[in-house]
Amino acid sequence: MHEMSLCESMLQILEQQAKAQQYQRVKTVWLEIGALSGVETEALHFCFSVVMQGSLAEGALLEIIEEPGQAWCLPCGINVPVEQLYDPCPHCGNHQLQVNGGDQMRIKELEVE
């Protein structure tokens, strides 16, 4: 389950930022997750609550902002929405797509005290 390691990395970032920004506690984490990132949000919620126990983010809320997938269709020459990797272009049916959005995960915002 790679969601556990994602949460552990997230905790490291929160701890580093707490030192740099001088905050003591994290109340809410807003996380942008792309549709093509391969992250299972239910598993992430579970892992988040487990990993954050005993840390500055214990009891923090995890808010997920879902980003749609996007790709550049080489034959059409346009950006198209995609729901999964290896989907065909919704316009021409071709599979020559280059993903250019919705494949990342990032901390967008924090509520701290």
Protein backbone atom coordinates (compact mmCIF):
# COMPACT_ATOMS: atom_id res chain seq x y z
CA MET A 1 0.00 0.00 0.00
CA HIS A 2 1.90 3.04 -1.23
CA GLU A 3 -0.59 5.37 0.46
CA MET A 4 1.17 4.66 3.77
CA SER A 5 4.51 5.87 2.41
CA LEU A 6 2.79 8.90 0.88
CA CYS A 7 1.42 9.82 4.31
CA GLU A 8 4.82 9.30 5.93
CA SER A 9 6.35 11.65 3.36
CA MET A 10 3.55 14.12 3.98
CA LEU A 11 4.30 14.06 7.73
CA GLN A 12 7.98 14.80 7.03
CA ILE A 13 6.95 17.81 4.94
CA LEU A 14 4.59 19.03 7.67
CA GLU A 15 7.33 18.72 10.30
CA GLN A 16 9.87 20.54 8.12
CA GLN A 17 7.40 23.34 7.42
CA ALA A 18 6.47 23.58 11.11
CA LYS A 19 10.10 24.38 11.91
CA ALA A 20 10.45 26.82 9.01
CA GLN A 21 7.08 28.57 9.50
CA GLN A 22 7.01 28.21 13.31
CA TYR A 23 3.65 26.57 13.86
CA GLN A 24 2.83 24.00 16.52
CA ARG A 25 -0.17 22.09 15.22
CA VAL A 26 -1.82 21.21 11.93
CA LYS A 27 -5.62 21.36 11.95
CA THR A 28 -6.46 20.72 8.28
CA VAL A 29 -4.54 19.56 5.22
CA TRP A 30 -5.94 20.24 1.74
CA LEU A 31 -4.43 17.80 -0.71
CA GLU A 32 -4.77 17.98 -4.49
CA ILE A 33 -4.89 14.52 -6.02
CA GLY A 34 -5.04 13.98 -9.76
CA ALA A 35 -7.35 11.38 -11.27
CA LEU A 36 -4.34 9.78 -12.97
CA SER A 37 -2.07 9.74 -9.89
CA GLY A 38 -2.91 6.18 -8.87
CA VAL A 39 -3.74 7.23 -5.29
CA GLU A 40 -6.68 5.48 -3.62
CA THR A 41 -8.36 8.21 -1.56
CA GLU A 42 -10.10 5.89 0.94
CA ALA A 43 -6.81 4.16 1.71
CA LEU A 44 -5.12 7.55 1.98
CA HIS A 45 -7.67 8.76 4.56
CA PHE A 46 -7.08 5.62 6.64
CA CYS A 47 -3.29 5.86 6.42
CA PHE A 48 -3.37 9.58 7.19
CA SER A 49 -5.16 9.01 10.50
CA VAL A 50 -2.73 6.22 11.44
CA VAL A 51 0.51 7.98 10.45
CA MET A 52 -0.44 11.32 12.04
CA GLN A 53 -1.07 9.79 15.49
CA GLY A 54 1.29 11.26 18.07
CA SER A 55 2.47 14.00 15.68
CA LEU A 56 1.76 17.70 15.24
CA ALA A 57 -1.05 16.67 12.86
CA GLU A 58 -2.82 14.21 15.17
CA GLY A 59 -6.57 14.68 14.71
CA ALA A 60 -6.11 16.89 11.64
CA LEU A 61 -8.70 16.78 8.89
CA LEU A 62 -7.66 15.63 5.44
CA GLU A 63 -9.56 17.39 2.66
CA ILE A 64 -9.17 15.98 -0.85
CA ILE A 65 -9.39 18.20 -3.92
CA GLU A 66 -9.75 15.99 -7.00
CA GLU A 67 -8.08 17.19 -10.17
CA PRO A 68 -9.27 15.78 -13.53
CA GLY A 69 -6.91 14.01 -15.88
CA GLN A 70 -5.75 15.78 -19.04
CA ALA A 71 -3.70 14.75 -22.02
CA TRP A 72 -2.46 16.22 -25.29
CA CYS A 73 -3.77 14.29 -28.30
CA LEU A 74 -1.04 14.28 -30.93
CA PRO A 75 -3.33 13.65 -33.95
CA CYS A 76 -5.98 16.20 -32.87
CA GLY A 77 -3.50 18.74 -31.53
CA ILE A 78 -5.68 19.58 -28.52
CA ASN A 79 -5.93 18.95 -24.78
CA VAL A 80 -8.54 16.33 -23.96
CA PRO A 81 -9.98 15.04 -20.68
CA VAL A 82 -9.00 11.49 -19.71
CA GLU A 83 -10.35 9.43 -16.83
CA GLN A 84 -7.69 6.70 -16.79
CA LEU A 85 -4.22 6.13 -18.15
CA TYR A 86 -4.25 4.57 -21.62
CA ASP A 87 -7.76 5.81 -22.41
CA PRO A 88 -8.25 6.73 -26.08
CA CYS A 89 -8.85 10.29 -27.22
CA PRO A 90 -12.56 11.09 -26.78
CA HIS A 91 -12.54 12.89 -30.16
CA CYS A 92 -10.60 10.65 -32.56
CA GLY A 93 -10.19 7.38 -30.62
CA ASN A 94 -6.40 7.43 -31.04
CA HIS A 95 -4.12 6.32 -28.20
CA GLN A 96 -1.31 8.79 -28.97
CA LEU A 97 -1.88 10.84 -25.83
CA GLN A 98 0.67 12.59 -23.68
CA VAL A 99 -0.54 13.14 -20.10
CA ASN A 100 -0.11 16.77 -19.07
CA GLY A 101 -2.35 17.12 -16.02
CA GLY A 102 -4.03 15.26 -13.21
CA ASP A 103 -1.16 12.86 -12.50
CA GLN A 104 0.23 14.57 -9.41
CA MET A 105 -0.42 14.84 -5.69
CA ARG A 106 0.50 17.95 -3.73
CA ILE A 107 -0.27 19.72 -0.49
CA LYS A 108 -2.28 22.74 -1.57
CA GLU A 109 -3.03 24.41 1.75
CA LEU A 110 -2.70 23.99 5.52
CA GLU A 111 -4.66 25.31 8.46
CA VAL A 112 -2.27 25.58 11.40
CA GLU A 113 -1.96 27.13 14.83
